[in-house]
C-alpha atoms as a PDB file:
ATOM      1  CA  UNK A   1      -3.880   2.366 -23.242  1.00  0.00           C
ATOM      2  CA  UNK A   2      -3.458  -1.134 -23.620  1.00  0.00           C
ATOM      3  CA  UNK A   3      -5.626  -3.796 -25.058  1.00  0.00           C
ATOM      4  CA  UNK A   4      -9.080  -4.563 -24.060  1.00  0.00           C
ATOM      5  CA  UNK A   5      -9.484  -1.952 -21.739  1.00  0.00           C
ATOM      6  CA  UNK A   6     -13.217  -1.424 -20.656  1.00  0.00           C
ATOM      7  CA  UNK A   7     -13.426   2.722 -19.582  1.00  0.00           C
ATOM      8  CA  UNK A   8     -16.829   3.202 -17.631  1.00  0.00           C
ATOM      9  CA  UNK A   9     -18.071   6.636 -18.827  1.00  0.00           C
ATOM     10  CA  UNK A  10     -17.959  10.275 -16.894  1.00  0.00           C
ATOM     11  CA  UNK A  11     -13.977   9.181 -16.748  1.00  0.00           C
ATOM     12  CA  UNK A  12     -11.096  11.225 -16.267  1.00  0.00           C
ATOM     13  CA  UNK A  13      -7.456  10.188 -17.356  1.00  0.00           C
ATOM     14  CA  UNK A  14      -4.794  12.375 -15.942  1.00  0.00           C
ATOM     15  CA  UNK A  15      -1.854  12.173 -18.257  1.00  0.00           C
ATOM     16  CA  UNK A  16       0.795  11.097 -18.009  1.00  0.00           C
ATOM     17  CA  UNK A  17      -0.971   7.549 -17.198  1.00  0.00           C
ATOM     18  CA  UNK A  18      -0.388   4.082 -18.352  1.00  0.00           C
ATOM     19  CA  UNK A  19      -3.192   1.498 -18.781  1.00  0.00           C
ATOM     20  CA  UNK A  20      -2.540  -2.220 -18.900  1.00  0.00           C
ATOM     21  CA  UNK A  21      -4.096  -4.717 -21.129  1.00  0.00           C
ATOM     22  CA  UNK A  22      -7.703  -5.868 -20.100  1.00  0.00           C
ATOM     23  CA  UNK A  23      -8.002  -2.983 -17.318  1.00  0.00           C
ATOM     24  CA  UNK A  24     -11.570  -1.958 -16.681  1.00  0.00           C
ATOM     25  CA  UNK A  25     -11.749   1.215 -15.098  1.00  0.00           C
ATOM     26  CA  UNK A  26     -15.236   1.802 -13.074  1.00  0.00           C
ATOM     27  CA  UNK A  27     -17.978   5.019 -14.259  1.00  0.00           C
ATOM     28  CA  UNK A  28     -17.155   8.213 -12.673  1.00  0.00           C
ATOM     29  CA  UNK A  29     -13.483   7.373 -11.731  1.00  0.00           C
ATOM     30  CA  UNK A  30     -10.794   9.667 -11.877  1.00  0.00           C
ATOM     31  CA  UNK A  31      -7.566   8.014 -12.571  1.00  0.00           C
ATOM     32  CA  UNK A  32      -4.227   9.655 -11.803  1.00  0.00           C
ATOM     33  CA  UNK A  33      -1.894   6.842 -11.078  1.00  0.00           C
ATOM     34  CA  UNK A  34      -0.659   3.961 -13.559  1.00  0.00           C
ATOM     35  CA  UNK A  35      -3.098   0.941 -13.751  1.00  0.00           C
ATOM     36  CA  UNK A  36      -1.460  -2.431 -14.298  1.00  0.00           C
ATOM     37  CA  UNK A  37      -3.149  -5.030 -16.879  1.00  0.00           C
ATOM     38  CA  UNK A  38      -6.237  -7.060 -15.295  1.00  0.00           C
ATOM     39  CA  UNK A  39      -7.068  -5.027 -12.632  1.00  0.00           C
ATOM     40  CA  UNK A  40     -10.408  -2.862 -12.011  1.00  0.00           C
ATOM     41  CA  UNK A  41      -9.469   0.879 -11.490  1.00  0.00           C
ATOM     42  CA  UNK A  42     -12.151   3.120  -9.088  1.00  0.00           C
ATOM     43  CA  UNK A  43     -12.157   6.384  -7.707  1.00  0.00           C
ATOM     44  CA  UNK A  44     -14.738   6.971  -5.142  1.00  0.00           C
ATOM     45  CA  UNK A  45     -14.682  10.079  -2.256  1.00  0.00           C
ATOM     46  CA  UNK A  46     -16.237   9.950   0.398  1.00  0.00           C
ATOM     47  CA  UNK A  47     -19.434  12.056   0.050  1.00  0.00           C
ATOM     48  CA  UNK A  48     -19.933  15.013   2.257  1.00  0.00           C
ATOM     49  CA  UNK A  49     -23.106  16.579   3.962  1.00  0.00           C
ATOM     50  CA  UNK A  50     -22.206  20.397   5.635  1.00  0.00           C
ATOM     51  CA  UNK A  51     -24.371  21.101   8.101  1.00  0.00           C
ATOM     52  CA  UNK A  52     -25.849  24.725   7.707  1.00  0.00           C
ATOM     53  CA  UNK A  53     -24.239  25.451   4.077  1.00  0.00           C
ATOM     54  CA  UNK A  54     -26.064  28.578   2.767  1.00  0.00           C
ATOM     55  CA  UNK A  55     -26.234  29.317  -1.090  1.00  0.00           C
ATOM     56  CA  UNK A  56     -25.153  32.350  -2.343  1.00  0.00           C
ATOM     57  CA  UNK A  57     -27.193  35.145  -2.917  1.00  0.00           C
ATOM     58  CA  UNK A  58     -26.699  37.116  -6.073  1.00  0.00           C
ATOM     59  CA  UNK A  59     -25.958  40.626  -5.503  1.00  0.00           C
END
């Protein structure tokens, strides 16, 4: 991990990754690839809403 890196809360770094100097990682991100120095890294999957979904019932 580089120097002066800021990692937001609830962030996962999936090894092996290299994080360069001065990188900022947005909260809630999952980082799976190297991040070059000075960059902002975020991962935000699109929200899904599933129609007609039913919660499983206990047996």
